[in-house]
Amino acid sequence: MTDGLDTALRALAARPAHPGLQAIDGEVLARIACVANDRPANNAFVAAIIAAMLVGAAASILPESQDRRAQTAIDSGLSLAPSTLLVGS
């Protein structure tokens, strides 16, 4: 069983390759080289990532105040199950 797509793909496969296809490797490698030469922007991005990781690590080491812990929504002392919320109504 063949349909229009099969016929079109067979016709496309029978055609000769585009002449520009031979030069595509050189073009791609030239563009990669241009991007690779743009190091200052890449270095700044890497530095920003490292700084964010260090700030996050430092924030996780610092102790949290009691007031801040009491403000969190997820607390083991809170009864937020649907069955407990319906008891008061």
C-alpha atoms as a PDB file:
ATOM      1  CA  MET A   1       0.000   0.000   0.000  1.00  0.00           C
ATOM      2  CA  THR A   2       1.484   3.321  -1.075  1.00  0.00           C
ATOM      3  CA  ASP A   3       0.148   6.786  -0.672  1.00  0.00           C
ATOM      4  CA  GLY A   4       1.139  10.216  -1.929  1.00  0.00           C
ATOM      5  CA  LEU A   5       3.834  10.628   0.709  1.00  0.00           C
ATOM      6  CA  ASP A   6       5.612   7.421  -0.316  1.00  0.00           C
ATOM      7  CA  THR A   7       5.515   8.483  -3.955  1.00  0.00           C
ATOM      8  CA  ALA A   8       6.852  11.948  -3.137  1.00  0.00           C
ATOM      9  CA  LEU A   9       9.677  10.542  -1.009  1.00  0.00           C
ATOM     10  CA  ARG A  10      10.718   8.138  -3.755  1.00  0.00           C
ATOM     11  CA  ALA A  11      10.729  10.982  -6.287  1.00  0.00           C
ATOM     12  CA  LEU A  12      12.809  13.121  -3.933  1.00  0.00           C
ATOM     13  CA  ALA A  13      15.304  10.303  -3.357  1.00  0.00           C
ATOM     14  CA  ALA A  14      15.734   9.862  -7.111  1.00  0.00           C
ATOM     15  CA  ARG A  15      16.704  13.514  -7.637  1.00  0.00           C
ATOM     16  CA  PRO A  16      20.385  14.525  -7.554  1.00  0.00           C
ATOM     17  CA  ALA A  17      21.711  16.240  -4.433  1.00  0.00           C
ATOM     18  CA  HIS A  18      21.654  20.031  -4.256  1.00  0.00           C
ATOM     19  CA  PRO A  19      25.009  21.543  -5.340  1.00  0.00           C
ATOM     20  CA  GLY A  20      25.216  23.611  -2.150  1.00  0.00           C
ATOM     21  CA  LEU A  21      25.174  20.447  -0.065  1.00  0.00           C
ATOM     22  CA  GLN A  22      28.887  19.899  -0.776  1.00  0.00           C
ATOM     23  CA  ALA A  23      29.825  23.224   0.847  1.00  0.00           C
ATOM     24  CA  ILE A  24      27.598  22.948   3.902  1.00  0.00           C
ATOM     25  CA  ASP A  25      30.271  21.357   6.112  1.00  0.00           C
ATOM     26  CA  GLY A  26      32.643  24.282   5.607  1.00  0.00           C
ATOM     27  CA  GLU A  27      29.896  26.812   6.292  1.00  0.00           C
ATOM     28  CA  VAL A  28      28.829  25.104   9.512  1.00  0.00           C
ATOM     29  CA  LEU A  29      32.406  24.841  10.784  1.00  0.00           C
ATOM     30  CA  ALA A  30      33.046  28.514   9.933  1.00  0.00           C
ATOM     31  CA  ARG A  31      29.996  29.601  11.933  1.00  0.00           C
ATOM     32  CA  ILE A  32      31.029  27.425  14.875  1.00  0.00           C
ATOM     33  CA  ALA A  33      34.470  29.054  14.788  1.00  0.00           C
ATOM     34  CA  CYS A  34      32.864  32.523  14.874  1.00  0.00           C
ATOM     35  CA  VAL A  35      30.811  31.604  17.909  1.00  0.00           C
ATOM     36  CA  ALA A  36      33.807  29.963  19.613  1.00  0.00           C
ATOM     37  CA  ASN A  37      35.817  33.189  19.222  1.00  0.00           C
ATOM     38  CA  ASP A  38      33.206  35.091  21.243  1.00  0.00           C
ATOM     39  CA  ARG A  39      34.716  34.011  24.581  1.00  0.00           C
ATOM     40  CA  PRO A  40      34.131  37.116  26.782  1.00  0.00           C
ATOM     41  CA  ALA A  41      30.359  36.693  26.673  1.00  0.00           C
ATOM     42  CA  ASN A  42      30.660  32.995  27.431  1.00  0.00           C
ATOM     43  CA  ASN A  43      33.072  33.648  30.311  1.00  0.00           C
ATOM     44  CA  ALA A  44      30.715  36.222  31.811  1.00  0.00           C
ATOM     45  CA  PHE A  45      27.856  33.747  31.634  1.00  0.00           C
ATOM     46  CA  VAL A  46      29.919  31.046  33.351  1.00  0.00           C
ATOM     47  CA  ALA A  47      30.990  33.539  36.034  1.00  0.00           C
ATOM     48  CA  ALA A  48      27.351  34.472  36.675  1.00  0.00           C
ATOM     49  CA  ILE A  49      26.410  30.801  37.052  1.00  0.00           C
ATOM     50  CA  ILE A  50      29.251  30.180  39.503  1.00  0.00           C
ATOM     51  CA  ALA A  51      28.313  33.291  41.512  1.00  0.00           C
ATOM     52  CA  ALA A  52      24.682  32.173  41.713  1.00  0.00           C
ATOM     53  CA  MET A  53      25.738  28.726  42.907  1.00  0.00           C
ATOM     54  CA  LEU A  54      27.995  30.234  45.586  1.00  0.00           C
ATOM     55  CA  VAL A  55      25.232  32.549  46.823  1.00  0.00           C
ATOM     56  CA  GLY A  56      22.828  29.608  46.968  1.00  0.00           C
ATOM     57  CA  ALA A  57      25.324  27.485  48.877  1.00  0.00           C
ATOM     58  CA  ALA A  58      26.019  30.319  51.328  1.00  0.00           C
ATOM     59  CA  ALA A  59      22.303  30.898  51.878  1.00  0.00           C
ATOM     60  CA  SER A  60      21.759  27.221  52.664  1.00  0.00           C
ATOM     61  CA  ILE A  61      24.518  27.283  55.320  1.00  0.00           C
ATOM     62  CA  LEU A  62      23.203  30.301  57.217  1.00  0.00           C
ATOM     63  CA  PRO A  63      20.760  29.444  60.024  1.00  0.00           C
ATOM     64  CA  GLU A  64      17.133  30.360  59.504  1.00  0.00           C
ATOM     65  CA  SER A  65      15.376  32.481  62.115  1.00  0.00           C
ATOM     66  CA  GLN A  66      12.480  31.116  64.148  1.00  0.00           C
ATOM     67  CA  ASP A  67      10.117  33.803  62.792  1.00  0.00           C
ATOM     68  CA  ARG A  68      10.894  32.773  59.226  1.00  0.00           C
ATOM     69  CA  ARG A  69      10.224  29.104  59.986  1.00  0.00           C
ATOM     70  CA  ALA A  70       6.847  29.968  61.484  1.00  0.00           C
ATOM     71  CA  GLN A  71       5.793  31.748  58.287  1.00  0.00           C
ATOM     72  CA  THR A  72       6.214  28.783  55.989  1.00  0.00           C
ATOM     73  CA  ALA A  73       3.057  27.309  54.514  1.00  0.00           C
ATOM     74  CA  ILE A  74       4.198  23.714  54.848  1.00  0.00           C
ATOM     75  CA  ASP A  75       4.434  22.941  58.533  1.00  0.00           C
ATOM     76  CA  SER A  76       3.935  19.641  60.288  1.00  0.00           C
ATOM     77  CA  GLY A  77       1.854  21.394  62.963  1.00  0.00           C
ATOM     78  CA  LEU A  78      -0.752  22.644  60.495  1.00  0.00           C
ATOM     79  CA  SER A  79      -3.744  20.493  59.719  1.00  0.00           C
ATOM     80  CA  LEU A  80      -4.325  21.209  56.038  1.00  0.00           C
ATOM     81  CA  ALA A  81      -5.882  17.917  54.983  1.00  0.00           C
ATOM     82  CA  PRO A  82      -9.319  18.374  53.357  1.00  0.00           C
ATOM     83  CA  SER A  83     -10.991  16.409  56.116  1.00  0.00           C
ATOM     84  CA  THR A  84      -9.634  18.761  58.802  1.00  0.00           C
ATOM     85  CA  LEU A  85     -10.552  21.888  56.836  1.00  0.00           C
ATOM     86  CA  LEU A  86     -14.187  20.781  56.546  1.00  0.00           C
ATOM     87  CA  VAL A  87     -14.552  20.188  60.282  1.00  0.00           C
ATOM     88  CA  GLY A  88     -14.884  23.904  61.053  1.00  0.00           C
ATOM     89  CA  SER A  89     -17.653  24.574  58.503  1.00  0.00           C
END
